[in-house]
Amino acid sequence: MFAFDYVWPYMGLGAALLLALLLSTDILRNDRSVSRWQDLVWLAWAGTLAYLLHQFEEHGIDADGAHYAFRGVMCATLGFPDAKACPVPTSYITCLNIAVVWLAGPAAALLGQRWPILALSYFAVPSINIFGHVLPWLINGAYNPGLLTAILVFLPLSLWAFRVALVRYRLGWRSVIGTVVAGLLLHAVLVLSLKAYIAGMIGIVALDVIQMINPLIAGLIVFLAGQRASPHAMSRA
């Protein structure tokens, strides 16, 4: 039986392969006068590709060969070692991942053609998500689903995007700090909303809707944080 909650990571992997091909061309570049690695719009698309791969490691097949493994790790962290009895809904995982990557990624890249700060805003999620994988690994000394892509892809790509935003686009440290803060708030909302659901304070519909609008709030925070940047820097392509 087809169950979207378990199939979407494989669909995302297919999208990642297509996106990788497009990134190797000039189609997704916004400024062809410079290297694609100096183009925040192209980097936002690259960030989307990185997250599609990360999603597959978390919710498809991880490095240990386990399927849909991240939910079990999340449940254990919340005090529910039995994944079958864990109250974390699969729809929650699906909604937050679809919103953060499939919707927010392309939106940030497309809007970034006019407002580079919004292309930068996409890195609010991966730059903070890194710690959600690296810290448990350092504490427990054990692999967790998503760790490899967090270290090998998220970390260098996020740092490079911040450098490009500061050096080429001159968006300022306020924009970079705003991006980090937005990432922290986004992760806080997704964790706190889940705990509110488990405690019976909100229903599953509210829980899923919160995950869908959460990236919009993060993007708005970054945009507002960059308002003090010069008009030239804000609109530079």
C-alpha atoms as a PDB file:
ATOM      1  CA  MET A   1       0.000   0.000   0.000  1.00  0.00           C
ATOM      2  CA  PHE A   2       1.288   3.459  -0.974  1.00  0.00           C
ATOM      3  CA  ALA A   3       2.036   5.563   2.079  1.00  0.00           C
ATOM      4  CA  PHE A   4       3.372   9.032   1.296  1.00  0.00           C
ATOM      5  CA  ASP A   5       4.861   9.363   4.797  1.00  0.00           C
ATOM      6  CA  TYR A   6       7.340   6.608   3.948  1.00  0.00           C
ATOM      7  CA  VAL A   7       7.760   7.192   0.204  1.00  0.00           C
ATOM      8  CA  TRP A   8       8.580  10.901   0.061  1.00  0.00           C
ATOM      9  CA  PRO A   9      12.306  10.480   0.979  1.00  0.00           C
ATOM     10  CA  TYR A  10      12.756   8.338  -2.146  1.00  0.00           C
ATOM     11  CA  MET A  11      10.870  10.889  -4.243  1.00  0.00           C
ATOM     12  CA  GLY A  12      13.188  13.528  -2.781  1.00  0.00           C
ATOM     13  CA  LEU A  13      16.217  11.484  -3.788  1.00  0.00           C
ATOM     14  CA  GLY A  14      14.940  11.452  -7.362  1.00  0.00           C
ATOM     15  CA  ALA A  15      14.471  15.224  -7.198  1.00  0.00           C
ATOM     16  CA  ALA A  16      18.006  15.539  -5.836  1.00  0.00           C
ATOM     17  CA  LEU A  17      19.421  13.733  -8.872  1.00  0.00           C
ATOM     18  CA  LEU A  18      17.538  16.064 -11.223  1.00  0.00           C
ATOM     19  CA  LEU A  19      18.605  19.116  -9.235  1.00  0.00           C
ATOM     20  CA  ALA A  20      22.234  17.974  -9.338  1.00  0.00           C
ATOM     21  CA  LEU A  21      22.050  17.875 -13.128  1.00  0.00           C
ATOM     22  CA  LEU A  22      20.516  21.359 -13.288  1.00  0.00           C
ATOM     23  CA  LEU A  23      23.144  22.750 -10.920  1.00  0.00           C
ATOM     24  CA  SER A  24      25.857  21.565 -13.275  1.00  0.00           C
ATOM     25  CA  THR A  25      24.416  23.843 -15.972  1.00  0.00           C
ATOM     26  CA  ASP A  26      23.793  27.604 -15.986  1.00  0.00           C
ATOM     27  CA  ILE A  27      19.996  27.289 -15.651  1.00  0.00           C
ATOM     28  CA  LEU A  28      19.903  27.947 -11.894  1.00  0.00           C
ATOM     29  CA  ARG A  29      22.552  30.664 -11.868  1.00  0.00           C
ATOM     30  CA  ASN A  30      21.465  34.237 -11.173  1.00  0.00           C
ATOM     31  CA  ASP A  31      24.720  36.037 -12.014  1.00  0.00           C
ATOM     32  CA  ARG A  32      26.806  34.443 -14.751  1.00  0.00           C
ATOM     33  CA  SER A  33      29.498  37.116 -14.525  1.00  0.00           C
ATOM     34  CA  VAL A  34      30.985  35.379 -11.484  1.00  0.00           C
ATOM     35  CA  SER A  35      31.631  31.822 -10.363  1.00  0.00           C
ATOM     36  CA  ARG A  36      28.498  29.920  -9.385  1.00  0.00           C
ATOM     37  CA  TRP A  37      30.111  29.550  -5.946  1.00  0.00           C
ATOM     38  CA  GLN A  38      29.825  33.334  -5.563  1.00  0.00           C
ATOM     39  CA  ASP A  39      26.110  33.369  -6.444  1.00  0.00           C
ATOM     40  CA  LEU A  40      23.786  33.179  -3.422  1.00  0.00           C
ATOM     41  CA  VAL A  41      20.869  32.069  -5.570  1.00  0.00           C
ATOM     42  CA  TRP A  42      22.851  29.119  -6.942  1.00  0.00           C
ATOM     43  CA  LEU A  43      24.021  28.363  -3.412  1.00  0.00           C
ATOM     44  CA  ALA A  44      20.410  28.301  -2.188  1.00  0.00           C
ATOM     45  CA  TRP A  45      19.624  25.711  -4.855  1.00  0.00           C
ATOM     46  CA  ALA A  46      22.745  23.804  -3.798  1.00  0.00           C
ATOM     47  CA  GLY A  47      21.513  24.005  -0.202  1.00  0.00           C
ATOM     48  CA  THR A  48      18.205  22.507  -1.298  1.00  0.00           C
ATOM     49  CA  LEU A  49      20.062  19.638  -2.972  1.00  0.00           C
ATOM     50  CA  ALA A  50      22.125  19.133   0.189  1.00  0.00           C
ATOM     51  CA  TYR A  51      18.977  18.921   2.288  1.00  0.00           C
ATOM     52  CA  LEU A  52      17.302  16.451  -0.068  1.00  0.00           C
ATOM     53  CA  LEU A  53      20.305  14.160   0.397  1.00  0.00           C
ATOM     54  CA  HIS A  54      20.214  14.778   4.147  1.00  0.00           C
ATOM     55  CA  GLN A  55      16.529  13.859   4.252  1.00  0.00           C
ATOM     56  CA  PHE A  56      17.252  10.570   2.551  1.00  0.00           C
ATOM     57  CA  GLU A  57      19.939   9.724   5.102  1.00  0.00           C
ATOM     58  CA  GLU A  58      17.517  10.566   7.913  1.00  0.00           C
ATOM     59  CA  HIS A  59      14.250   9.136   6.601  1.00  0.00           C
ATOM     60  CA  GLY A  60      15.182   6.916   3.660  1.00  0.00           C
ATOM     61  CA  ILE A  61      18.145   4.628   4.219  1.00  0.00           C
ATOM     62  CA  ASP A  62      20.872   5.705   6.645  1.00  0.00           C
ATOM     63  CA  ALA A  63      24.559   4.778   6.691  1.00  0.00           C
ATOM     64  CA  ASP A  64      23.788   1.662   8.749  1.00  0.00           C
ATOM     65  CA  GLY A  65      21.243   0.486   6.201  1.00  0.00           C
ATOM     66  CA  ALA A  66      18.253   1.204   8.446  1.00  0.00           C
ATOM     67  CA  HIS A  67      14.999   2.456   6.885  1.00  0.00           C
ATOM     68  CA  TYR A  68      13.126   5.519   8.217  1.00  0.00           C
ATOM     69  CA  ALA A  69      15.503   5.515  11.194  1.00  0.00           C
ATOM     70  CA  PHE A  70      15.393   9.126  12.368  1.00  0.00           C
ATOM     71  CA  ARG A  71      11.916   8.852  13.910  1.00  0.00           C
ATOM     72  CA  GLY A  72      13.166   6.105  16.227  1.00  0.00           C
ATOM     73  CA  VAL A  73      16.092   8.270  17.341  1.00  0.00           C
ATOM     74  CA  MET A  74      13.760  11.219  17.925  1.00  0.00           C
ATOM     75  CA  CYS A  75      11.377   9.050  19.943  1.00  0.00           C
ATOM     76  CA  ALA A  76      14.200   7.709  22.110  1.00  0.00           C
ATOM     77  CA  THR A  77      15.411  11.268  22.744  1.00  0.00           C
ATOM     78  CA  LEU A  78      11.914  12.216  23.891  1.00  0.00           C
ATOM     79  CA  GLY A  79      11.809   9.238  26.282  1.00  0.00           C
ATOM     80  CA  PHE A  80       9.968   6.738  24.074  1.00  0.00           C
ATOM     81  CA  PRO A  81      12.446   3.956  23.285  1.00  0.00           C
ATOM     82  CA  ASP A  82       9.755   1.821  21.643  1.00  0.00           C
ATOM     83  CA  ALA A  83       9.260   3.380  18.212  1.00  0.00           C
ATOM     84  CA  LYS A  84       5.992   1.501  17.638  1.00  0.00           C
ATOM     85  CA  ALA A  85       4.452   2.990  20.772  1.00  0.00           C
ATOM     86  CA  CYS A  86       5.977   6.420  20.234  1.00  0.00           C
ATOM     87  CA  PRO A  87       3.363   9.204  19.887  1.00  0.00           C
ATOM     88  CA  VAL A  88       5.368  11.194  17.297  1.00  0.00           C
ATOM     89  CA  PRO A  89       3.114  11.248  14.191  1.00  0.00           C
ATOM     90  CA  THR A  90       4.642  10.409  10.825  1.00  0.00           C
ATOM     91  CA  SER A  91       2.630  13.312   9.372  1.00  0.00           C
ATOM     92  CA  TYR A  92       4.593  15.673  11.628  1.00  0.00           C
ATOM     93  CA  ILE A  93       7.871  14.474  10.153  1.00  0.00           C
ATOM     94  CA  THR A  94       6.468  14.653   6.637  1.00  0.00           C
ATOM     95  CA  CYS A  95       5.028  18.159   6.981  1.00  0.00           C
ATOM     96  CA  LEU A  96       8.112  19.742   8.507  1.00  0.00           C
ATOM     97  CA  ASN A  97      10.416  18.175   5.907  1.00  0.00           C
ATOM     98  CA  ILE A  98       8.233  19.036   2.927  1.00  0.00           C
ATOM     99  CA  ALA A  99       7.858  22.617   4.146  1.00  0.00           C
ATOM    100  CA  VAL A 100      11.503  23.191   5.032  1.00  0.00           C
ATOM    101  CA  VAL A 101      12.981  21.659   1.871  1.00  0.00           C
ATOM    102  CA  TRP A 102      10.531  21.071  -0.938  1.00  0.00           C
ATOM    103  CA  LEU A 103       8.760  24.435  -0.466  1.00  0.00           C
ATOM    104  CA  ALA A 104      11.135  26.778   1.354  1.00  0.00           C
ATOM    105  CA  GLY A 105      14.210  25.785  -0.668  1.00  0.00           C
ATOM    106  CA  PRO A 106      12.886  26.717  -4.133  1.00  0.00           C
ATOM    107  CA  ALA A 107      11.053  29.742  -2.692  1.00  0.00           C
ATOM    108  CA  ALA A 108      14.259  31.098  -1.112  1.00  0.00           C
ATOM    109  CA  ALA A 109      16.199  30.587  -4.346  1.00  0.00           C
ATOM    110  CA  LEU A 110      13.545  32.162  -6.579  1.00  0.00           C
ATOM    111  CA  LEU A 111      12.903  35.151  -4.291  1.00  0.00           C
ATOM    112  CA  GLY A 112      16.652  35.472  -3.797  1.00  0.00           C
ATOM    113  CA  GLN A 113      16.957  36.627  -7.393  1.00  0.00           C
ATOM    114  CA  ARG A 114      15.432  39.909  -6.231  1.00  0.00           C
ATOM    115  CA  TRP A 115      16.377  39.829  -2.546  1.00  0.00           C
ATOM    116  CA  PRO A 116      19.679  37.987  -1.894  1.00  0.00           C
ATOM    117  CA  ILE A 117      18.948  38.075   1.828  1.00  0.00           C
ATOM    118  CA  LEU A 118      16.154  35.551   1.223  1.00  0.00           C
ATOM    119  CA  ALA A 119      18.550  33.215  -0.572  1.00  0.00           C
ATOM    120  CA  LEU A 120      20.766  33.451   2.502  1.00  0.00           C
ATOM    121  CA  SER A 121      17.786  32.769   4.772  1.00  0.00           C
ATOM    122  CA  TYR A 122      17.595  29.178   3.559  1.00  0.00           C
ATOM    123  CA  PHE A 123      20.796  28.397   5.433  1.00  0.00           C
ATOM    124  CA  ALA A 124      19.019  29.099   8.739  1.00  0.00           C
ATOM    125  CA  VAL A 125      17.960  25.456   8.813  1.00  0.00           C
ATOM    126  CA  PRO A 126      21.084  23.467   7.818  1.00  0.00           C
ATOM    127  CA  SER A 127      23.455  25.703   9.795  1.00  0.00           C
ATOM    128  CA  ILE A 128      21.628  24.831  13.031  1.00  0.00           C
ATOM    129  CA  ASN A 129      20.619  21.296  12.081  1.00  0.00           C
ATOM    130  CA  ILE A 130      24.330  20.446  12.099  1.00  0.00           C
ATOM    131  CA  PHE A 131      24.414  20.706  15.889  1.00  0.00           C
ATOM    132  CA  GLY A 132      21.411  18.388  16.263  1.00  0.00           C
ATOM    133  CA  HIS A 133      23.548  15.634  14.786  1.00  0.00           C
ATOM    134  CA  VAL A 134      27.093  16.503  15.825  1.00  0.00           C
ATOM    135  CA  LEU A 135      26.428  17.140  19.524  1.00  0.00           C
ATOM    136  CA  PRO A 136      24.728  13.751  20.148  1.00  0.00           C
ATOM    137  CA  TRP A 137      27.568  12.090  18.250  1.00  0.00           C
ATOM    138  CA  LEU A 138      30.176  13.823  20.414  1.00  0.00           C
ATOM    139  CA  ILE A 139      28.264  13.006  23.610  1.00  0.00           C
ATOM    140  CA  ASN A 140      27.324   9.406  22.825  1.00  0.00           C
ATOM    141  CA  GLY A 141      30.062   8.485  20.392  1.00  0.00           C
ATOM    142  CA  ALA A 142      27.518   6.802  18.125  1.00  0.00           C
ATOM    143  CA  TYR A 143      26.287   7.458  14.600  1.00  0.00           C
ATOM    144  CA  ASN A 144      22.833   8.979  14.171  1.00  0.00           C
ATOM    145  CA  PRO A 145      20.820   9.199  10.917  1.00  0.00           C
ATOM    146  CA  GLY A 146      21.834  12.400   9.111  1.00  0.00           C
ATOM    147  CA  LEU A 147      25.251  12.779  10.724  1.00  0.00           C
ATOM    148  CA  LEU A 148      27.304  12.182   7.578  1.00  0.00           C
ATOM    149  CA  THR A 149      25.521  14.724   5.394  1.00  0.00           C
ATOM    150  CA  ALA A 150      25.442  17.217   8.278  1.00  0.00           C
ATOM    151  CA  ILE A 151      29.231  17.140   8.624  1.00  0.00           C
ATOM    152  CA  LEU A 152      30.302  16.577   5.024  1.00  0.00           C
ATOM    153  CA  VAL A 153      27.759  18.811   3.274  1.00  0.00           C
ATOM    154  CA  PHE A 154      25.863  21.146   5.630  1.00  0.00           C
ATOM    155  CA  LEU A 155      28.898  22.428   7.515  1.00  0.00           C
ATOM    156  CA  PRO A 156      31.120  23.525   4.602  1.00  0.00           C
ATOM    157  CA  LEU A 157      28.201  24.758   2.470  1.00  0.00           C
ATOM    158  CA  SER A 158      26.693  26.869   5.262  1.00  0.00           C
ATOM    159  CA  LEU A 159      30.030  28.429   6.174  1.00  0.00           C
ATOM    160  CA  TRP A 160      30.707  29.214   2.535  1.00  0.00           C
ATOM    161  CA  ALA A 161      27.267  30.785   2.037  1.00  0.00           C
ATOM    162  CA  PHE A 162      27.865  33.021   5.058  1.00  0.00           C
ATOM    163  CA  ARG A 163      31.222  34.065   3.613  1.00  0.00           C
ATOM    164  CA  VAL A 164      29.695  34.915   0.231  1.00  0.00           C
ATOM    165  CA  ALA A 165      26.928  36.907   1.931  1.00  0.00           C
ATOM    166  CA  LEU A 166      29.498  38.918   3.882  1.00  0.00           C
ATOM    167  CA  VAL A 167      32.234  39.370   1.290  1.00  0.00           C
ATOM    168  CA  ARG A 168      30.529  39.555  -2.084  1.00  0.00           C
ATOM    169  CA  TYR A 169      27.006  40.705  -1.220  1.00  0.00           C
ATOM    170  CA  ARG A 170      28.030  42.764   1.813  1.00  0.00           C
ATOM    171  CA  LEU A 171      24.854  41.867   3.651  1.00  0.00           C
ATOM    172  CA  GLY A 172      26.599  42.379   6.977  1.00  0.00           C
ATOM    173  CA  TRP A 173      26.948  40.372  10.145  1.00  0.00           C
ATOM    174  CA  ARG A 174      23.446  41.376  11.178  1.00  0.00           C
ATOM    175  CA  SER A 175      22.056  39.256   8.336  1.00  0.00           C
ATOM    176  CA  VAL A 176      24.259  36.274   9.175  1.00  0.00           C
ATOM    177  CA  ILE A 177      23.409  36.471  12.869  1.00  0.00           C
ATOM    178  CA  GLY A 178      19.731  36.862  11.966  1.00  0.00           C
ATOM    179  CA  THR A 179      19.993  33.699   9.876  1.00  0.00           C
ATOM    180  CA  VAL A 180      21.447  31.759  12.805  1.00  0.00           C
ATOM    181  CA  VAL A 181      18.829  33.127  15.209  1.00  0.00           C
ATOM    182  CA  ALA A 182      16.049  32.229  12.764  1.00  0.00           C
ATOM    183  CA  GLY A 183      17.407  28.694  12.597  1.00  0.00           C
ATOM    184  CA  LEU A 184      17.434  28.428  16.370  1.00  0.00           C
ATOM    185  CA  LEU A 185      13.858  29.692  16.623  1.00  0.00           C
ATOM    186  CA  LEU A 186      12.657  27.373  13.854  1.00  0.00           C
ATOM    187  CA  HIS A 187      14.094  24.337  15.617  1.00  0.00           C
ATOM    188  CA  ALA A 188      12.691  25.532  18.948  1.00  0.00           C
ATOM    189  CA  VAL A 189       9.210  25.838  17.442  1.00  0.00           C
ATOM    190  CA  LEU A 190       9.274  22.378  15.874  1.00  0.00           C
ATOM    191  CA  VAL A 191      10.434  20.789  19.150  1.00  0.00           C
ATOM    192  CA  LEU A 192       8.102  22.738  21.436  1.00  0.00           C
ATOM    193  CA  SER A 193       5.086  22.205  19.184  1.00  0.00           C
ATOM    194  CA  LEU A 194       5.751  18.457  19.196  1.00  0.00           C
ATOM    195  CA  LYS A 195       6.002  18.430  22.991  1.00  0.00           C
ATOM    196  CA  ALA A 196       2.748  20.412  23.164  1.00  0.00           C
ATOM    197  CA  TYR A 197       1.081  17.776  20.976  1.00  0.00           C
ATOM    198  CA  ILE A 198       2.391  14.901  23.102  1.00  0.00           C
ATOM    199  CA  ALA A 199       1.126  16.701  26.213  1.00  0.00           C
ATOM    200  CA  GLY A 200      -2.335  17.017  24.648  1.00  0.00           C
ATOM    201  CA  MET A 201      -2.207  20.814  24.411  1.00  0.00           C
ATOM    202  CA  ILE A 202      -2.718  20.914  20.625  1.00  0.00           C
ATOM    203  CA  GLY A 203      -4.146  18.512  18.068  1.00  0.00           C
ATOM    204  CA  ILE A 204      -2.449  16.882  15.129  1.00  0.00           C
ATOM    205  CA  VAL A 205      -3.887  19.357  12.618  1.00  0.00           C
ATOM    206  CA  ALA A 206      -2.434  22.302  14.523  1.00  0.00           C
ATOM    207  CA  LEU A 207       0.868  20.455  14.879  1.00  0.00           C
ATOM    208  CA  ASP A 208       1.155  19.853  11.138  1.00  0.00           C
ATOM    209  CA  VAL A 209       0.071  23.385  10.210  1.00  0.00           C
ATOM    210  CA  ILE A 210       2.719  24.858  12.506  1.00  0.00           C
ATOM    211  CA  GLN A 211       5.403  22.893  10.659  1.00  0.00           C
ATOM    212  CA  MET A 212       4.151  24.218   7.323  1.00  0.00           C
ATOM    213  CA  ILE A 213       4.297  27.883   8.329  1.00  0.00           C
ATOM    214  CA  ASN A 214       7.432  27.656  10.469  1.00  0.00           C
ATOM    215  CA  PRO A 215       9.859  28.247   7.541  1.00  0.00           C
ATOM    216  CA  LEU A 216       7.923  31.369   6.516  1.00  0.00           C
ATOM    217  CA  ILE A 217       8.500  32.863   9.949  1.00  0.00           C
ATOM    218  CA  ALA A 218      12.216  32.020   9.784  1.00  0.00           C
ATOM    219  CA  GLY A 219      12.533  33.673   6.374  1.00  0.00           C
ATOM    220  CA  LEU A 220      10.746  36.783   7.615  1.00  0.00           C
ATOM    221  CA  ILE A 221      13.121  37.038  10.588  1.00  0.00           C
ATOM    222  CA  VAL A 222      16.163  36.950   8.325  1.00  0.00           C
ATOM    223  CA  PHE A 223      14.637  39.482   5.937  1.00  0.00           C
ATOM    224  CA  LEU A 224      13.875  41.911   8.755  1.00  0.00           C
ATOM    225  CA  ALA A 225      17.341  41.379  10.230  1.00  0.00           C
ATOM    226  CA  GLY A 226      18.870  42.536   6.952  1.00  0.00           C
ATOM    227  CA  GLN A 227      16.799  45.709   6.614  1.00  0.00           C
ATOM    228  CA  ARG A 228      19.695  47.810   7.886  1.00  0.00           C
ATOM    229  CA  ALA A 229      21.907  46.578   5.067  1.00  0.00           C
ATOM    230  CA  SER A 230      22.477  49.083   2.261  1.00  0.00           C
ATOM    231  CA  PRO A 231      19.869  49.096  -0.521  1.00  0.00           C
ATOM    232  CA  HIS A 232      22.622  48.134  -2.976  1.00  0.00           C
ATOM    233  CA  ALA A 233      23.527  45.080  -0.971  1.00  0.00           C
ATOM    234  CA  MET A 234      19.915  44.064  -0.380  1.00  0.00           C
ATOM    235  CA  SER A 235      18.991  44.032  -4.066  1.00  0.00           C
ATOM    236  CA  ARG A 236      22.267  42.912  -5.598  1.00  0.00           C
ATOM    237  CA  ALA A 237      21.931  40.035  -8.034  1.00  0.00           C
END
